[in-house]
Amino acid sequence: MRTISLILLGLFAVASASAQEPILQSGQSFSLRLAGVPAEDQTAISQIYTISDRGSIKLLYLTAEMRAVGLRPSELARNIESAYK
């Protein structure tokens, strides 16, 4: 079984100052880095995403948008990892 690693980066300065992860909100941007997949997929998917007014993000190869608003970064990372398995 191949492992996919996800890293959500650059969320907020608040995250580093606080022991708790921030709750994601519409309009916020974050960097996503995908590992454990072919290099061309890493390049295509690893980029900066902005959460839409609907509270979701659109990821390459997934037919539906993924809900992001109201989640913590670690929750979103787990959801993305599950979606790509």
N, C-alpha and C. Protein backbone atom coordinates (compact mmCIF):
# COMPACT_ATOMS: atom_id res chain seq x y z
N MET A 1 0.84 -1.18 0.00
CA MET A 1 0.00 0.00 0.00
C MET A 1 0.88 1.24 0.00
N ARG A 2 0.64 2.11 -0.94
CA ARG A 2 1.43 3.33 -1.05
C ARG A 2 0.88 4.37 -0.08
N THR A 3 1.77 5.08 0.56
CA THR A 3 1.40 6.10 1.52
C THR A 3 1.43 7.46 0.85
N ILE A 4 0.40 8.24 1.10
CA ILE A 4 0.34 9.61 0.61
C ILE A 4 0.52 10.51 1.82
N SER A 5 1.45 11.42 1.72
CA SER A 5 1.69 12.37 2.79
C SER A 5 1.18 13.74 2.37
N LEU A 6 0.52 14.41 3.27
CA LEU A 6 0.01 15.75 3.01
C LEU A 6 0.55 16.69 4.06
N ILE A 7 0.90 17.87 3.62
CA ILE A 7 1.38 18.89 4.54
C ILE A 7 0.64 20.18 4.22
N LEU A 8 -0.08 20.71 5.19
CA LEU A 8 -0.71 22.01 5.04
C LEU A 8 0.22 23.02 5.68
N LEU A 9 0.67 23.97 4.88
CA LEU A 9 1.67 24.94 5.33
C LEU A 9 1.12 26.35 5.31
N GLY A 10 1.76 27.21 6.04
CA GLY A 10 1.51 28.64 5.94
C GLY A 10 0.09 29.04 6.26
N LEU A 11 -0.55 28.35 7.18
CA LEU A 11 -1.94 28.69 7.44
C LEU A 11 -2.07 30.07 8.07
N PHE A 12 -1.55 30.26 9.24
CA PHE A 12 -1.73 31.54 9.90
C PHE A 12 -0.65 31.75 10.94
N ALA A 13 -0.30 32.98 11.16
CA ALA A 13 0.65 33.28 12.23
C ALA A 13 0.04 32.90 13.57
N VAL A 14 -1.28 32.97 13.68
CA VAL A 14 -1.97 32.62 14.91
C VAL A 14 -1.71 31.17 15.29
N ALA A 15 -1.60 30.30 14.30
CA ALA A 15 -1.41 28.88 14.57
C ALA A 15 -0.12 28.63 15.34
N SER A 16 0.93 29.35 14.99
CA SER A 16 2.19 29.15 15.69
C SER A 16 2.18 29.76 17.08
N ALA A 17 1.35 30.76 17.28
CA ALA A 17 1.29 31.41 18.59
C ALA A 17 0.35 30.68 19.54
N SER A 18 -0.49 29.84 19.00
CA SER A 18 -1.49 29.15 19.80
C SER A 18 -1.20 27.66 19.84
N ALA A 19 -1.53 27.02 20.95
CA ALA A 19 -1.33 25.58 21.06
C ALA A 19 -2.38 24.83 20.24
N GLN A 20 -3.53 25.45 19.99
CA GLN A 20 -4.59 24.81 19.23
C GLN A 20 -4.52 25.21 17.77
N GLU A 21 -4.97 24.30 16.92
CA GLU A 21 -5.04 24.63 15.49
C GLU A 21 -6.21 25.58 15.26
N PRO A 22 -6.06 26.48 14.29
CA PRO A 22 -7.16 27.39 13.97
C PRO A 22 -8.26 26.64 13.22
N ILE A 23 -9.44 27.19 13.25
CA ILE A 23 -10.55 26.67 12.46
C ILE A 23 -10.49 27.37 11.10
N LEU A 24 -10.56 26.59 10.03
CA LEU A 24 -10.50 27.17 8.68
C LEU A 24 -11.78 27.92 8.35
N GLN A 25 -11.62 29.04 7.65
CA GLN A 25 -12.75 29.90 7.30
C GLN A 25 -12.70 30.26 5.82
N SER A 26 -13.85 30.64 5.28
CA SER A 26 -13.93 31.07 3.88
C SER A 26 -12.96 32.23 3.64
N GLY A 27 -12.31 32.22 2.50
CA GLY A 27 -11.39 33.28 2.13
C GLY A 27 -9.96 33.05 2.59
N GLN A 28 -9.73 32.10 3.47
CA GLN A 28 -8.37 31.83 3.93
C GLN A 28 -7.63 30.99 2.90
N SER A 29 -6.33 31.22 2.81
CA SER A 29 -5.48 30.49 1.87
C SER A 29 -4.47 29.64 2.65
N PHE A 30 -4.05 28.55 2.03
CA PHE A 30 -3.05 27.68 2.62
C PHE A 30 -2.29 26.99 1.50
N SER A 31 -1.09 26.55 1.83
CA SER A 31 -0.27 25.78 0.90
C SER A 31 -0.49 24.30 1.16
N LEU A 32 -0.61 23.55 0.10
CA LEU A 32 -0.77 22.11 0.21
C LEU A 32 0.39 21.46 -0.52
N ARG A 33 1.06 20.53 0.14
CA ARG A 33 2.15 19.79 -0.48
C ARG A 33 1.80 18.32 -0.42
N LEU A 34 1.75 17.68 -1.55
CA LEU A 34 1.41 16.26 -1.66
C LEU A 34 2.68 15.47 -1.91
N ALA A 35 2.88 14.40 -1.17
CA ALA A 35 4.06 13.55 -1.34
C ALA A 35 3.63 12.10 -1.45
N GLY A 36 4.52 11.26 -1.94
CA GLY A 36 4.22 9.84 -2.05
C GLY A 36 3.47 9.47 -3.31
N VAL A 37 3.45 10.38 -4.27
CA VAL A 37 2.80 10.15 -5.56
C VAL A 37 3.79 10.54 -6.66
N PRO A 38 3.50 10.19 -7.92
CA PRO A 38 4.41 10.58 -9.00
C PRO A 38 4.70 12.08 -9.01
N ALA A 39 5.90 12.44 -9.45
CA ALA A 39 6.36 13.84 -9.43
C ALA A 39 5.40 14.77 -10.16
N GLU A 40 4.85 14.33 -11.29
CA GLU A 40 3.95 15.22 -12.04
C GLU A 40 2.66 15.51 -11.25
N ASP A 41 2.19 14.55 -10.46
CA ASP A 41 1.03 14.80 -9.61
C ASP A 41 1.38 15.71 -8.45
N GLN A 42 2.58 15.53 -7.89
CA GLN A 42 3.02 16.41 -6.80
C GLN A 42 3.02 17.86 -7.28
N THR A 43 3.57 18.08 -8.46
CA THR A 43 3.66 19.44 -9.00
C THR A 43 2.28 20.02 -9.28
N ALA A 44 1.39 19.21 -9.83
CA ALA A 44 0.06 19.69 -10.19
C ALA A 44 -0.82 20.00 -8.98
N ILE A 45 -0.69 19.20 -7.94
CA ILE A 45 -1.58 19.35 -6.78
C ILE A 45 -0.98 20.24 -5.70
N SER A 46 0.33 20.25 -5.56
CA SER A 46 0.99 21.04 -4.52
C SER A 46 1.01 22.50 -4.92
N GLN A 47 0.12 23.27 -4.31
CA GLN A 47 -0.01 24.69 -4.63
C GLN A 47 -0.75 25.41 -3.50
N ILE A 48 -1.04 26.68 -3.72
CA ILE A 48 -1.79 27.45 -2.73
C ILE A 48 -3.27 27.37 -3.09
N TYR A 49 -4.08 27.06 -2.10
CA TYR A 49 -5.53 26.97 -2.27
C TYR A 49 -6.20 28.02 -1.40
N THR A 50 -7.31 28.56 -1.89
CA THR A 50 -8.12 29.50 -1.12
C THR A 50 -9.50 28.89 -0.92
N ILE A 51 -9.97 28.92 0.30
CA ILE A 51 -11.29 28.36 0.60
C ILE A 51 -12.35 29.30 0.03
N SER A 52 -13.25 28.74 -0.77
CA SER A 52 -14.27 29.53 -1.46
C SER A 52 -15.31 30.07 -0.49
N ASP A 53 -16.16 30.96 -1.00
CA ASP A 53 -17.27 31.50 -0.20
C ASP A 53 -18.23 30.38 0.21
N ARG A 54 -18.26 29.30 -0.57
CA ARG A 54 -19.10 28.14 -0.25
C ARG A 54 -18.46 27.27 0.82
N GLY A 55 -17.19 27.58 1.17
CA GLY A 55 -16.51 26.83 2.22
C GLY A 55 -15.77 25.61 1.74
N SER A 56 -15.45 25.56 0.45
CA SER A 56 -14.81 24.36 -0.10
C SER A 56 -13.59 24.71 -0.95
N ILE A 57 -12.85 23.66 -1.29
CA ILE A 57 -11.71 23.78 -2.22
C ILE A 57 -11.91 22.76 -3.32
N LYS A 58 -11.35 23.01 -4.47
CA LYS A 58 -11.40 22.09 -5.61
C LYS A 58 -10.00 21.55 -5.82
N LEU A 59 -9.87 20.22 -5.75
CA LEU A 59 -8.59 19.56 -5.92
C LEU A 59 -8.57 18.76 -7.22
N LEU A 60 -7.41 18.73 -7.85
CA LEU A 60 -7.21 18.01 -9.09
C LEU A 60 -7.57 16.54 -8.92
N TYR A 61 -8.23 15.97 -9.92
CA TYR A 61 -8.63 14.56 -9.99
C TYR A 61 -9.84 14.21 -9.13
N LEU A 62 -10.33 15.11 -8.32
CA LEU A 62 -11.53 14.84 -7.52
C LEU A 62 -12.72 15.51 -8.19
N THR A 63 -13.81 14.78 -8.37
CA THR A 63 -14.96 15.33 -9.08
C THR A 63 -15.73 16.36 -8.26
N ALA A 64 -15.82 16.14 -6.98
CA ALA A 64 -16.57 17.06 -6.12
C ALA A 64 -15.61 17.98 -5.36
N GLU A 65 -16.12 19.15 -5.02
CA GLU A 65 -15.34 20.05 -4.16
C GLU A 65 -15.28 19.46 -2.76
N MET A 66 -14.24 19.77 -2.03
CA MET A 66 -14.06 19.25 -0.68
C MET A 66 -14.35 20.34 0.34
N ARG A 67 -15.19 20.03 1.30
CA ARG A 67 -15.52 20.98 2.36
C ARG A 67 -14.27 21.24 3.20
N ALA A 68 -14.00 22.51 3.48
CA ALA A 68 -12.83 22.88 4.28
C ALA A 68 -13.21 23.77 5.46
N VAL A 69 -14.21 24.62 5.27
CA VAL A 69 -14.58 25.58 6.31
C VAL A 69 -15.08 24.84 7.55
N GLY A 70 -14.67 25.33 8.71
CA GLY A 70 -15.08 24.73 9.97
C GLY A 70 -14.19 23.59 10.44
N LEU A 71 -13.24 23.19 9.60
CA LEU A 71 -12.32 22.12 9.97
C LEU A 71 -11.01 22.70 10.49
N ARG A 72 -10.28 21.89 11.22
CA ARG A 72 -8.91 22.23 11.59
C ARG A 72 -8.00 21.73 10.46
N PRO A 73 -6.83 22.32 10.27
CA PRO A 73 -5.93 21.87 9.20
C PRO A 73 -5.65 20.37 9.22
N SER A 74 -5.47 19.80 10.40
CA SER A 74 -5.19 18.36 10.49
C SER A 74 -6.39 17.54 10.02
N GLU A 75 -7.60 18.01 10.28
CA GLU A 75 -8.81 17.32 9.82
C GLU A 75 -8.90 17.37 8.30
N LEU A 76 -8.63 18.54 7.74
CA LEU A 76 -8.66 18.69 6.29
C LEU A 76 -7.59 17.80 5.65
N ALA A 77 -6.40 17.74 6.23
CA ALA A 77 -5.33 16.90 5.70
C ALA A 77 -5.76 15.44 5.67
N ARG A 78 -6.41 14.97 6.73
CA ARG A 78 -6.89 13.58 6.75
C ARG A 78 -7.96 13.35 5.69
N ASN A 79 -8.85 14.31 5.50
CA ASN A 79 -9.89 14.19 4.48
C ASN A 79 -9.29 14.14 3.07
N ILE A 80 -8.29 14.98 2.84
CA ILE A 80 -7.63 14.98 1.51
C ILE A 80 -6.92 13.65 1.29
N GLU A 81 -6.22 13.18 2.30
CA GLU A 81 -5.52 11.91 2.17
C GLU A 81 -6.50 10.78 1.86
N SER A 82 -7.62 10.74 2.54
CA SER A 82 -8.64 9.71 2.29
C SER A 82 -9.20 9.82 0.88
N ALA A 83 -9.41 11.03 0.41
CA ALA A 83 -9.99 11.24 -0.92
C ALA A 83 -9.07 10.76 -2.03
N TYR A 84 -7.77 10.83 -1.82
CA TYR A 84 -6.80 10.42 -2.84
C TYR A 84 -6.40 8.95 -2.73
N LYS A 85 -6.90 8.21 -1.76
CA LYS A 85 -6.56 6.78 -1.63
C LYS A 85 -7.34 5.96 -2.62
